[in-house]
């Protein structure tokens, strides 16, 4: 279940980056883009951390 949630967070973060990339001239667009980056980087970090713990 945890991996599924991390995959969903990664997909949502990537979608937010792609959707709000052309709306960086507004405050809401910049905030949503930043949240997308945080979601994507955070989920990738957690997945890689779990893989290192398994080894």
PDB file of N, CA and C in Angstrom:
ATOM      1  N   UNK A   1       0.823  -1.199   0.000  1.00  0.00           N
ATOM      2  CA  UNK A   1       0.000   0.000   0.000  1.00  0.00           C
ATOM      3  C   UNK A   1       0.864   1.259   0.000  1.00  0.00           C
ATOM      4  N   UNK A   2       1.971   1.185   0.722  1.00  0.00           N
ATOM      5  CA  UNK A   2       2.843   2.350   0.825  1.00  0.00           C
ATOM      6  C   UNK A   2       3.475   2.694  -0.527  1.00  0.00           C
ATOM      7  N   UNK A   3       3.871   1.660  -1.283  1.00  0.00           N
ATOM      8  CA  UNK A   3       4.466   1.898  -2.598  1.00  0.00           C
ATOM      9  C   UNK A   3       3.448   2.484  -3.566  1.00  0.00           C
ATOM     10  N   UNK A   4       2.187   2.054  -3.443  1.00  0.00           N
ATOM     11  CA  UNK A   4       1.139   2.582  -4.318  1.00  0.00           C
ATOM     12  C   UNK A   4       0.925   4.058  -4.034  1.00  0.00           C
ATOM     13  N   UNK A   5       0.894   4.432  -2.768  1.00  0.00           N
ATOM     14  CA  UNK A   5       0.721   5.833  -2.389  1.00  0.00           C
ATOM     15  C   UNK A   5       1.894   6.679  -2.866  1.00  0.00           C
ATOM     16  N   UNK A   6       3.101   6.150  -2.763  1.00  0.00           N
ATOM     17  CA  UNK A   6       4.269   6.888  -3.239  1.00  0.00           C
ATOM     18  C   UNK A   6       4.236   7.038  -4.760  1.00  0.00           C
ATOM     19  N   UNK A   7       3.765   6.015  -5.458  1.00  0.00           N
ATOM     20  CA  UNK A   7       3.634   6.109  -6.910  1.00  0.00           C
ATOM     21  C   UNK A   7       2.598   7.138  -7.312  1.00  0.00           C
ATOM     22  N   UNK A   8       1.503   7.196  -6.583  1.00  0.00           N
ATOM     23  CA  UNK A   8       0.469   8.194  -6.862  1.00  0.00           C
ATOM     24  C   UNK A   8       1.001   9.597  -6.607  1.00  0.00           C
ATOM     25  N   UNK A   9       1.736   9.779  -5.508  1.00  0.00           N
ATOM     26  CA  UNK A   9       2.329  11.095  -5.209  1.00  0.00           C
ATOM     27  C   UNK A   9       3.309  11.512  -6.297  1.00  0.00           C
ATOM     28  N   UNK A  10       4.075  10.566  -6.798  1.00  0.00           N
ATOM     29  CA  UNK A  10       5.026  10.853  -7.864  1.00  0.00           C
ATOM     30  C   UNK A  10       4.290  11.276  -9.137  1.00  0.00           C
ATOM     31  N   UNK A  11       3.212  10.582  -9.454  1.00  0.00           N
ATOM     32  CA  UNK A  11       2.443  10.908 -10.647  1.00  0.00           C
ATOM     33  C   UNK A  11       1.743  12.263 -10.520  1.00  0.00           C
ATOM     34  N   UNK A  12       1.189  12.532  -9.349  1.00  0.00           N
ATOM     35  CA  UNK A  12       0.514  13.812  -9.130  1.00  0.00           C
ATOM     36  C   UNK A  12       1.521  14.962  -9.183  1.00  0.00           C
ATOM     37  N   UNK A  13       2.679  14.761  -8.570  1.00  0.00           N
ATOM     38  CA  UNK A  13       3.719  15.797  -8.607  1.00  0.00           C
ATOM     39  C   UNK A  13       4.185  16.074 -10.025  1.00  0.00           C
ATOM     40  N   UNK A  14       4.401  15.027 -10.804  1.00  0.00           N
ATOM     41  CA  UNK A  14       4.800  15.213 -12.197  1.00  0.00           C
ATOM     42  C   UNK A  14       3.719  15.900 -13.018  1.00  0.00           C
ATOM     43  N   UNK A  15       2.477  15.549 -12.752  1.00  0.00           N
ATOM     44  CA  UNK A  15       1.365  16.202 -13.442  1.00  0.00           C
ATOM     45  C   UNK A  15       1.253  17.671 -13.092  1.00  0.00           C
ATOM     46  N   UNK A  16       1.450  17.986 -11.820  1.00  0.00           N
ATOM     47  CA  UNK A  16       1.387  19.389 -11.405  1.00  0.00           C
ATOM     48  C   UNK A  16       2.517  20.198 -12.041  1.00  0.00           C
ATOM     49  N   UNK A  17       3.697  19.594 -12.141  1.00  0.00           N
ATOM     50  CA  UNK A  17       4.823  20.287 -12.782  1.00  0.00           C
ATOM     51  C   UNK A  17       4.493  20.565 -14.241  1.00  0.00           C
ATOM     52  N   UNK A  18       3.980  19.550 -14.927  1.00  0.00           N
ATOM     53  CA  UNK A  18       3.667  19.715 -16.341  1.00  0.00           C
ATOM     54  C   UNK A  18       2.539  20.685 -16.594  1.00  0.00           C
ATOM     55  N   UNK A  19       1.516  20.652 -15.759  1.00  0.00           N
ATOM     56  CA  UNK A  19       0.358  21.503 -15.979  1.00  0.00           C
ATOM     57  C   UNK A  19       0.629  22.957 -15.646  1.00  0.00           C
ATOM     58  N   UNK A  20       1.360  23.214 -14.582  1.00  0.00           N
ATOM     59  CA  UNK A  20       1.583  24.589 -14.131  1.00  0.00           C
ATOM     60  C   UNK A  20       2.893  25.189 -14.636  1.00  0.00           C
ATOM     61  N   UNK A  21       3.600  24.502 -15.513  1.00  0.00           N
ATOM     62  CA  UNK A  21       4.866  25.036 -16.025  1.00  0.00           C
ATOM     63  C   UNK A  21       4.656  26.299 -16.855  1.00  0.00           C
ATOM     64  N   UNK A  22       3.539  26.391 -17.552  1.00  0.00           N
ATOM     65  CA  UNK A  22       3.304  27.589 -18.363  1.00  0.00           C
ATOM     66  C   UNK A  22       2.514  28.649 -17.602  1.00  0.00           C
ATOM     67  N   UNK A  23       2.249  28.425 -16.333  1.00  0.00           N
ATOM     68  CA  UNK A  23       1.519  29.395 -15.512  1.00  0.00           C
ATOM     69  C   UNK A  23       2.388  29.954 -14.390  1.00  0.00           C
ATOM     70  N   UNK A  24       3.688  30.037 -14.615  1.00  0.00           N
ATOM     71  CA  UNK A  24       4.596  30.516 -13.574  1.00  0.00           C
ATOM     72  C   UNK A  24       4.547  32.026 -13.397  1.00  0.00           C
ATOM     73  N   UNK A  25       3.805  32.724 -14.244  1.00  0.00           N
ATOM     74  CA  UNK A  25       3.694  34.173 -14.093  1.00  0.00           C
ATOM     75  C   UNK A  25       2.638  34.566 -13.052  1.00  0.00           C
ATOM     76  N   UNK A  26       1.879  33.606 -12.553  1.00  0.00           N
ATOM     77  CA  UNK A  26       0.905  33.886 -11.498  1.00  0.00           C
ATOM     78  C   UNK A  26       1.388  33.278 -10.185  1.00  0.00           C
ATOM     79  N   UNK A  27       0.873  33.806  -9.096  1.00  0.00           N
ATOM     80  CA  UNK A  27       1.270  33.322  -7.778  1.00  0.00           C
ATOM     81  C   UNK A  27       0.760  31.899  -7.561  1.00  0.00           C
ATOM     82  N   UNK A  28      -0.482  31.647  -7.923  1.00  0.00           N
ATOM     83  CA  UNK A  28      -1.057  30.317  -7.731  1.00  0.00           C
ATOM     84  C   UNK A  28      -0.322  29.293  -8.592  1.00  0.00           C
ATOM     85  N   UNK A  29       0.021  29.649  -9.807  1.00  0.00           N
ATOM     86  CA  UNK A  29       0.775  28.743 -10.662  1.00  0.00           C
ATOM     87  C   UNK A  29       2.146  28.422 -10.099  1.00  0.00           C
ATOM     88  N   UNK A  30       2.807  29.420  -9.566  1.00  0.00           N
ATOM     89  CA  UNK A  30       4.133  29.201  -8.977  1.00  0.00           C
ATOM     90  C   UNK A  30       4.053  28.323  -7.738  1.00  0.00           C
ATOM     91  N   UNK A  31       3.043  28.543  -6.910  1.00  0.00           N
ATOM     92  CA  UNK A  31       2.878  27.743  -5.693  1.00  0.00           C
ATOM     93  C   UNK A  31       2.560  26.292  -6.049  1.00  0.00           C
ATOM     94  N   UNK A  32       1.665  26.076  -6.994  1.00  0.00           N
ATOM     95  CA  UNK A  32       1.306  24.714  -7.395  1.00  0.00           C
ATOM     96  C   UNK A  32       2.488  24.007  -8.055  1.00  0.00           C
ATOM     97  N   UNK A  33       3.267  24.726  -8.842  1.00  0.00           N
ATOM     98  CA  UNK A  33       4.464  24.144  -9.453  1.00  0.00           C
ATOM     99  C   UNK A  33       5.452  23.717  -8.375  1.00  0.00           C
ATOM    100  N   UNK A  34       5.643  24.570  -7.374  1.00  0.00           N
ATOM    101  CA  UNK A  34       6.555  24.255  -6.278  1.00  0.00           C
ATOM    102  C   UNK A  34       6.059  23.055  -5.473  1.00  0.00           C
ATOM    103  N   UNK A  35       4.766  22.974  -5.224  1.00  0.00           N
ATOM    104  CA  UNK A  35       4.213  21.818  -4.521  1.00  0.00           C
ATOM    105  C   UNK A  35       4.400  20.538  -5.334  1.00  0.00           C
ATOM    106  N   UNK A  36       4.282  20.641  -6.656  1.00  0.00           N
ATOM    107  CA  UNK A  36       4.525  19.487  -7.510  1.00  0.00           C
ATOM    108  C   UNK A  36       5.961  19.010  -7.419  1.00  0.00           C
ATOM    109  N   UNK A  37       6.893  19.947  -7.401  1.00  0.00           N
ATOM    110  CA  UNK A  37       8.306  19.588  -7.270  1.00  0.00           C
ATOM    111  C   UNK A  37       8.559  18.923  -5.923  1.00  0.00           C
ATOM    112  N   UNK A  38       7.966  19.458  -4.868  1.00  0.00           N
ATOM    113  CA  UNK A  38       8.152  18.882  -3.530  1.00  0.00           C
ATOM    114  C   UNK A  38       7.581  17.470  -3.472  1.00  0.00           C
ATOM    115  N   UNK A  39       6.393  17.256  -4.045  1.00  0.00           N
ATOM    116  CA  UNK A  39       5.797  15.920  -4.064  1.00  0.00           C
ATOM    117  C   UNK A  39       6.664  14.937  -4.837  1.00  0.00           C
ATOM    118  N   UNK A  40       7.148  15.352  -5.991  1.00  0.00           N
ATOM    119  CA  UNK A  40       7.950  14.469  -6.831  1.00  0.00           C
ATOM    120  C   UNK A  40       9.274  14.113  -6.160  1.00  0.00           C
ATOM    121  N   UNK A  41       9.971  15.102  -5.665  1.00  0.00           N
ATOM    122  CA  UNK A  41      11.270  14.863  -5.041  1.00  0.00           C
ATOM    123  C   UNK A  41      11.105  14.059  -3.750  1.00  0.00           C
ATOM    124  N   UNK A  42      10.084  14.378  -2.969  1.00  0.00           N
ATOM    125  CA  UNK A  42       9.858  13.650  -1.723  1.00  0.00           C
ATOM    126  C   UNK A  42       9.544  12.185  -1.949  1.00  0.00           C
ATOM    127  N   UNK A  43       8.708  11.898  -2.929  1.00  0.00           N
ATOM    128  CA  UNK A  43       8.362  10.495  -3.179  1.00  0.00           C
ATOM    129  C   UNK A  43       9.550   9.731  -3.757  1.00  0.00           C
ATOM    130  N   UNK A  44      10.334  10.355  -4.616  1.00  0.00           N
ATOM    131  CA  UNK A  44      11.531   9.696  -5.152  1.00  0.00           C
ATOM    132  C   UNK A  44      12.531   9.434  -4.031  1.00  0.00           C
ATOM    133  N   UNK A  45      12.690  10.391  -3.126  1.00  0.00           N
ATOM    134  CA  UNK A  45      13.609  10.230  -2.001  1.00  0.00           C
ATOM    135  C   UNK A  45      13.177   9.066  -1.111  1.00  0.00           C
ATOM    136  N   UNK A  46      11.885   8.975  -0.814  1.00  0.00           N
ATOM    137  CA  UNK A  46      11.405   7.897   0.043  1.00  0.00           C
ATOM    138  C   UNK A  46      11.559   6.528  -0.611  1.00  0.00           C
ATOM    139  N   UNK A  47      11.307   6.443  -1.909  1.00  0.00           N
ATOM    140  CA  UNK A  47      11.458   5.171  -2.612  1.00  0.00           C
ATOM    141  C   UNK A  47      12.923   4.739  -2.614  1.00  0.00           C
ATOM    142  N   UNK A  48      13.836   5.670  -2.889  1.00  0.00           N
ATOM    143  CA  UNK A  48      15.255   5.313  -2.923  1.00  0.00           C
ATOM    144  C   UNK A  48      15.774   4.968  -1.524  1.00  0.00           C
ATOM    145  N   UNK A  49      15.240   5.625  -0.499  1.00  0.00           N
ATOM    146  CA  UNK A  49      15.644   5.323   0.875  1.00  0.00           C
ATOM    147  C   UNK A  49      15.196   3.916   1.267  1.00  0.00           C
ATOM    148  N   UNK A  50      14.003   3.523   0.868  1.00  0.00           N
ATOM    149  CA  UNK A  50      13.515   2.183   1.179  1.00  0.00           C
ATOM    150  C   UNK A  50      14.321   1.122   0.433  1.00  0.00           C
ATOM    151  N   UNK A  51      14.711   1.416  -0.802  1.00  0.00           N
ATOM    152  CA  UNK A  51      15.516   0.462  -1.563  1.00  0.00           C
ATOM    153  C   UNK A  51      16.894   0.270  -0.931  1.00  0.00           C
ATOM    154  N   UNK A  52      17.477   1.341  -0.398  1.00  0.00           N
ATOM    155  CA  UNK A  52      18.783   1.227   0.247  1.00  0.00           C
ATOM    156  C   UNK A  52      18.674   0.449   1.551  1.00  0.00           C
ATOM    157  N   UNK A  53      17.569   0.566   2.261  1.00  0.00           N
ATOM    158  CA  UNK A  53      17.389  -0.168   3.505  1.00  0.00           C
ATOM    159  C   UNK A  53      17.218  -1.656   3.250  1.00  0.00           C
ATOM    160  N   UNK A  54      16.631  -2.032   2.121  1.00  0.00           N
ATOM    161  CA  UNK A  54      16.438  -3.445   1.793  1.00  0.00           C
ATOM    162  C   UNK A  54      17.753  -4.145   1.490  1.00  0.00           C
ATOM    163  N   UNK A  55      18.721  -3.406   0.967  1.00  0.00           N
ATOM    164  CA  UNK A  55      20.020  -3.991   0.621  1.00  0.00           C
ATOM    165  C   UNK A  55      20.804  -4.149   1.865  1.00  0.00           C
TER     166      UNK A  55
END
